[in-house]
C-alpha atoms as a PDB file:
ATOM      1  CA  UNK A   1       0.163  64.097 -13.414  1.00  0.00           C
ATOM      2  CA  UNK A   2       2.075  60.983 -12.990  1.00  0.00           C
ATOM      3  CA  UNK A   3       0.445  57.992 -14.986  1.00  0.00           C
ATOM      4  CA  UNK A   4      -0.567  55.264 -13.102  1.00  0.00           C
ATOM      5  CA  UNK A   5      -1.160  51.262 -13.693  1.00  0.00           C
ATOM      6  CA  UNK A   6      -3.290  49.274 -11.786  1.00  0.00           C
ATOM      7  CA  UNK A   7      -4.890  45.996 -11.724  1.00  0.00           C
ATOM      8  CA  UNK A   8      -8.302  44.643 -10.883  1.00  0.00           C
ATOM      9  CA  UNK A   9      -9.098  41.043 -10.405  1.00  0.00           C
ATOM     10  CA  UNK A  10     -11.975  39.565 -12.852  1.00  0.00           C
ATOM     11  CA  UNK A  11     -15.431  39.413 -11.258  1.00  0.00           C
ATOM     12  CA  UNK A  12     -18.811  38.639 -12.979  1.00  0.00           C
ATOM     13  CA  UNK A  13     -19.218  42.318 -13.380  1.00  0.00           C
ATOM     14  CA  UNK A  14     -16.145  43.059 -15.473  1.00  0.00           C
ATOM     15  CA  UNK A  15     -16.188  40.378 -17.309  1.00  0.00           C
ATOM     16  CA  UNK A  16     -17.982  42.319 -20.073  1.00  0.00           C
ATOM     17  CA  UNK A  17     -14.905  44.604 -20.493  1.00  0.00           C
ATOM     18  CA  UNK A  18     -12.475  41.651 -20.897  1.00  0.00           C
ATOM     19  CA  UNK A  19     -14.543  40.356 -23.180  1.00  0.00           C
ATOM     20  CA  UNK A  20     -14.616  43.436 -25.032  1.00  0.00           C
ATOM     21  CA  UNK A  21     -10.780  43.883 -24.945  1.00  0.00           C
ATOM     22  CA  UNK A  22     -10.073  40.288 -26.119  1.00  0.00           C
ATOM     23  CA  UNK A  23     -12.310  41.022 -29.177  1.00  0.00           C
ATOM     24  CA  UNK A  24      -9.901  44.081 -29.789  1.00  0.00           C
ATOM     25  CA  UNK A  25      -6.677  42.798 -28.858  1.00  0.00           C
ATOM     26  CA  UNK A  26      -6.746  38.992 -29.871  1.00  0.00           C
ATOM     27  CA  UNK A  27      -7.530  37.442 -33.629  1.00  0.00           C
ATOM     28  CA  UNK A  28      -9.124  34.440 -32.333  1.00  0.00           C
ATOM     29  CA  UNK A  29     -12.548  34.323 -29.661  1.00  0.00           C
ATOM     30  CA  UNK A  30     -12.620  32.588 -26.555  1.00  0.00           C
ATOM     31  CA  UNK A  31     -14.816  30.097 -25.404  1.00  0.00           C
ATOM     32  CA  UNK A  32     -17.379  30.257 -22.591  1.00  0.00           C
ATOM     33  CA  UNK A  33     -15.603  27.642 -20.708  1.00  0.00           C
ATOM     34  CA  UNK A  34     -12.353  30.314 -20.622  1.00  0.00           C
ATOM     35  CA  UNK A  35     -14.003  32.882 -18.923  1.00  0.00           C
ATOM     36  CA  UNK A  36     -15.846  30.768 -16.426  1.00  0.00           C
ATOM     37  CA  UNK A  37     -12.263  29.441 -15.704  1.00  0.00           C
ATOM     38  CA  UNK A  38     -10.914  32.835 -15.251  1.00  0.00           C
ATOM     39  CA  UNK A  39     -13.367  33.606 -12.266  1.00  0.00           C
ATOM     40  CA  UNK A  40     -12.051  30.494 -10.291  1.00  0.00           C
ATOM     41  CA  UNK A  41     -10.601  31.724  -7.030  1.00  0.00           C
ATOM     42  CA  UNK A  42      -7.334  29.860  -7.329  1.00  0.00           C
ATOM     43  CA  UNK A  43      -6.642  31.816 -10.474  1.00  0.00           C
ATOM     44  CA  UNK A  44      -7.511  35.073  -8.761  1.00  0.00           C
ATOM     45  CA  UNK A  45      -3.657  36.561  -8.460  1.00  0.00           C
ATOM     46  CA  UNK A  46      -2.710  35.480 -12.167  1.00  0.00           C
ATOM     47  CA  UNK A  47      -6.111  37.145 -14.141  1.00  0.00           C
ATOM     48  CA  UNK A  48      -6.540  40.469 -14.083  1.00  0.00           C
ATOM     49  CA  UNK A  49      -8.051  43.786 -16.072  1.00  0.00           C
ATOM     50  CA  UNK A  50      -5.167  46.320 -16.556  1.00  0.00           C
ATOM     51  CA  UNK A  51      -5.997  49.728 -15.944  1.00  0.00           C
ATOM     52  CA  UNK A  52      -3.922  53.392 -16.814  1.00  0.00           C
ATOM     53  CA  UNK A  53      -5.422  56.119 -15.064  1.00  0.00           C
ATOM     54  CA  UNK A  54      -8.401  54.021 -13.922  1.00  0.00           C
ATOM     55  CA  UNK A  55      -8.812  53.447 -17.807  1.00  0.00           C
ATOM     56  CA  UNK A  56      -9.068  49.476 -18.564  1.00  0.00           C
ATOM     57  CA  UNK A  57      -6.400  49.274 -21.253  1.00  0.00           C
ATOM     58  CA  UNK A  58      -5.359  45.821 -21.053  1.00  0.00           C
ATOM     59  CA  UNK A  59      -5.844  41.793 -19.755  1.00  0.00           C
ATOM     60  CA  UNK A  60      -3.304  39.101 -18.549  1.00  0.00           C
ATOM     61  CA  UNK A  61      -5.283  35.944 -18.182  1.00  0.00           C
ATOM     62  CA  UNK A  62      -3.070  32.702 -16.572  1.00  0.00           C
ATOM     63  CA  UNK A  63      -4.605  28.779 -15.686  1.00  0.00           C
ATOM     64  CA  UNK A  64      -2.510  26.675 -13.130  1.00  0.00           C
ATOM     65  CA  UNK A  65      -1.488  22.978 -14.429  1.00  0.00           C
ATOM     66  CA  UNK A  66      -0.056  20.253 -12.827  1.00  0.00           C
ATOM     67  CA  UNK A  67       1.872  18.049 -14.997  1.00  0.00           C
ATOM     68  CA  UNK A  68       4.868  15.667 -14.099  1.00  0.00           C
ATOM     69  CA  UNK A  69       4.908  16.365 -10.782  1.00  0.00           C
ATOM     70  CA  UNK A  70       4.907  19.874 -11.246  1.00  0.00           C
ATOM     71  CA  UNK A  71       2.696  23.003 -10.938  1.00  0.00           C
ATOM     72  CA  UNK A  72       2.840  25.357 -13.796  1.00  0.00           C
ATOM     73  CA  UNK A  73       1.649  28.679 -14.846  1.00  0.00           C
ATOM     74  CA  UNK A  74       0.113  28.843 -18.206  1.00  0.00           C
ATOM     75  CA  UNK A  75      -0.113  32.573 -19.435  1.00  0.00           C
ATOM     76  CA  UNK A  76      -3.256  31.969 -21.697  1.00  0.00           C
ATOM     77  CA  UNK A  77      -3.538  35.644 -23.038  1.00  0.00           C
ATOM     78  CA  UNK A  78      -1.734  38.935 -22.469  1.00  0.00           C
ATOM     79  CA  UNK A  79      -2.122  42.271 -24.306  1.00  0.00           C
ATOM     80  CA  UNK A  80      -2.388  46.090 -24.095  1.00  0.00           C
ATOM     81  CA  UNK A  81      -4.583  48.598 -26.447  1.00  0.00           C
ATOM     82  CA  UNK A  82      -2.214  49.929 -29.110  1.00  0.00           C
ATOM     83  CA  UNK A  83      -2.422  52.938 -28.475  1.00  0.00           C
ATOM     84  CA  UNK A  84      -1.172  52.245 -24.778  1.00  0.00           C
ATOM     85  CA  UNK A  85       1.742  50.324 -25.275  1.00  0.00           C
ATOM     86  CA  UNK A  86       5.590  51.643 -24.991  1.00  0.00           C
ATOM     87  CA  UNK A  87       4.217  52.798 -21.620  1.00  0.00           C
ATOM     88  CA  UNK A  88       5.596  49.993 -20.119  1.00  0.00           C
ATOM     89  CA  UNK A  89       2.191  48.789 -18.991  1.00  0.00           C
ATOM     90  CA  UNK A  90       2.979  45.425 -20.339  1.00  0.00           C
ATOM     91  CA  UNK A  91       5.984  44.938 -18.315  1.00  0.00           C
ATOM     92  CA  UNK A  92       4.540  46.178 -15.193  1.00  0.00           C
ATOM     93  CA  UNK A  93       1.635  43.315 -16.025  1.00  0.00           C
ATOM     94  CA  UNK A  94       4.015  40.242 -16.507  1.00  0.00           C
ATOM     95  CA  UNK A  95       6.124  41.573 -13.751  1.00  0.00           C
ATOM     96  CA  UNK A  96       3.050  41.109 -11.256  1.00  0.00           C
ATOM     97  CA  UNK A  97       2.161  37.980 -12.679  1.00  0.00           C
ATOM     98  CA  UNK A  98       6.122  36.729 -12.029  1.00  0.00           C
ATOM     99  CA  UNK A  99       5.807  38.257  -8.462  1.00  0.00           C
ATOM    100  CA  UNK A 100       2.504  36.332  -7.753  1.00  0.00           C
ATOM    101  CA  UNK A 101       4.162  33.137  -9.072  1.00  0.00           C
ATOM    102  CA  UNK A 102       6.938  33.725  -6.952  1.00  0.00           C
ATOM    103  CA  UNK A 103       4.908  34.064  -3.930  1.00  0.00           C
ATOM    104  CA  UNK A 104       2.054  31.779  -4.224  1.00  0.00           C
ATOM    105  CA  UNK A 105       1.394  30.065  -1.235  1.00  0.00           C
ATOM    106  CA  UNK A 106      -1.244  27.178  -1.958  1.00  0.00           C
ATOM    107  CA  UNK A 107       1.175  25.707  -4.731  1.00  0.00           C
ATOM    108  CA  UNK A 108       4.630  26.043  -5.494  1.00  0.00           C
ATOM    109  CA  UNK A 109       4.496  26.865  -9.251  1.00  0.00           C
ATOM    110  CA  UNK A 110       7.760  25.685 -10.913  1.00  0.00           C
ATOM    111  CA  UNK A 111       7.580  27.585 -14.270  1.00  0.00           C
ATOM    112  CA  UNK A 112       5.625  29.745 -16.496  1.00  0.00           C
ATOM    113  CA  UNK A 113       5.170  29.313 -20.110  1.00  0.00           C
ATOM    114  CA  UNK A 114       3.322  30.648 -23.220  1.00  0.00           C
ATOM    115  CA  UNK A 115       3.052  30.506 -26.560  1.00  0.00           C
ATOM    116  CA  UNK A 116       3.760  33.161 -28.970  1.00  0.00           C
ATOM    117  CA  UNK A 117       3.023  33.203 -33.063  1.00  0.00           C
ATOM    118  CA  UNK A 118       6.133  32.631 -34.654  1.00  0.00           C
ATOM    119  CA  UNK A 119       5.483  36.083 -36.878  1.00  0.00           C
ATOM    120  CA  UNK A 120       5.149  37.599 -33.754  1.00  0.00           C
ATOM    121  CA  UNK A 121       8.898  38.587 -33.013  1.00  0.00           C
ATOM    122  CA  UNK A 122       8.027  41.833 -30.988  1.00  0.00           C
ATOM    123  CA  UNK A 123       6.479  39.649 -28.399  1.00  0.00           C
ATOM    124  CA  UNK A 124       8.926  37.050 -28.334  1.00  0.00           C
ATOM    125  CA  UNK A 125      11.682  40.109 -27.664  1.00  0.00           C
ATOM    126  CA  UNK A 126       9.376  41.233 -24.787  1.00  0.00           C
ATOM    127  CA  UNK A 127       9.245  38.101 -23.007  1.00  0.00           C
ATOM    128  CA  UNK A 128      12.856  37.612 -23.284  1.00  0.00           C
ATOM    129  CA  UNK A 129      13.586  40.898 -21.676  1.00  0.00           C
ATOM    130  CA  UNK A 130      11.578  39.600 -18.901  1.00  0.00           C
ATOM    131  CA  UNK A 131      13.498  36.372 -18.906  1.00  0.00           C
ATOM    132  CA  UNK A 132      11.591  34.125 -20.482  1.00  0.00           C
ATOM    133  CA  UNK A 133      13.615  31.566 -23.044  1.00  0.00           C
ATOM    134  CA  UNK A 134      12.778  29.504 -26.373  1.00  0.00           C
ATOM    135  CA  UNK A 135      11.848  25.822 -25.334  1.00  0.00           C
ATOM    136  CA  UNK A 136      10.619  24.934 -28.628  1.00  0.00           C
ATOM    137  CA  UNK A 137       8.403  25.307 -31.559  1.00  0.00           C
ATOM    138  CA  UNK A 138       4.356  24.209 -31.163  1.00  0.00           C
ATOM    139  CA  UNK A 139       3.588  23.413 -35.119  1.00  0.00           C
ATOM    140  CA  UNK A 140       0.062  24.074 -35.894  1.00  0.00           C
ATOM    141  CA  UNK A 141      -0.602  25.511 -32.658  1.00  0.00           C
ATOM    142  CA  UNK A 142      -3.365  27.877 -33.956  1.00  0.00           C
ATOM    143  CA  UNK A 143      -5.779  26.654 -35.798  1.00  0.00           C
ATOM    144  CA  UNK A 144      -7.307  29.555 -37.412  1.00  0.00           C
ATOM    145  CA  UNK A 145      -5.011  31.822 -37.660  1.00  0.00           C
ATOM    146  CA  UNK A 146      -1.583  31.971 -39.939  1.00  0.00           C
ATOM    147  CA  UNK A 147       1.267  31.207 -39.488  1.00  0.00           C
ATOM    148  CA  UNK A 148      -0.064  28.373 -37.485  1.00  0.00           C
ATOM    149  CA  UNK A 149       3.278  27.773 -35.282  1.00  0.00           C
ATOM    150  CA  UNK A 150       3.953  29.011 -32.034  1.00  0.00           C
ATOM    151  CA  UNK A 151       7.095  29.585 -30.223  1.00  0.00           C
ATOM    152  CA  UNK A 152       7.068  27.976 -26.566  1.00  0.00           C
ATOM    153  CA  UNK A 153       8.430  30.143 -24.168  1.00  0.00           C
ATOM    154  CA  UNK A 154       9.399  29.409 -20.377  1.00  0.00           C
ATOM    155  CA  UNK A 155      10.216  31.207 -17.487  1.00  0.00           C
ATOM    156  CA  UNK A 156      11.671  28.525 -14.745  1.00  0.00           C
ATOM    157  CA  UNK A 157      10.391  30.115 -11.583  1.00  0.00           C
ATOM    158  CA  UNK A 158      13.593  30.339  -8.341  1.00  0.00           C
ATOM    159  CA  UNK A 159      12.229  31.072  -5.493  1.00  0.00           C
END
């Protein structure tokens, strides 16, 4: 049997699953506003639950920002449960988001960017493998976890 990765849009019905995954995957808790914002229709292509053989094993959540006359996609969270890593699931998830950004018709998305905690070298390498480049360091980005600094990673969206 071949393993199957699939993606599901976020709905009020599966938000509890997302909350549970986030509590396991990330060392910070997210506000109610975070969970309200990721249900907005305009981000449906960019906020997904990730399933592996019909089991929810990961998440990816982005928001669209307008800054300096350009539309940017900010990758807020992305994670895959530890037992399911190194199976290509994260790569399929990030490629899904990159493809969605490139084919997005409502707004032309100029770039995708994200923050990576400077101690997380594996995550940095993962994003570099998918075309992201380090464009700076945001000092004291994290308020409640150490180290506080984050790399800013960016992928310019060439359509």
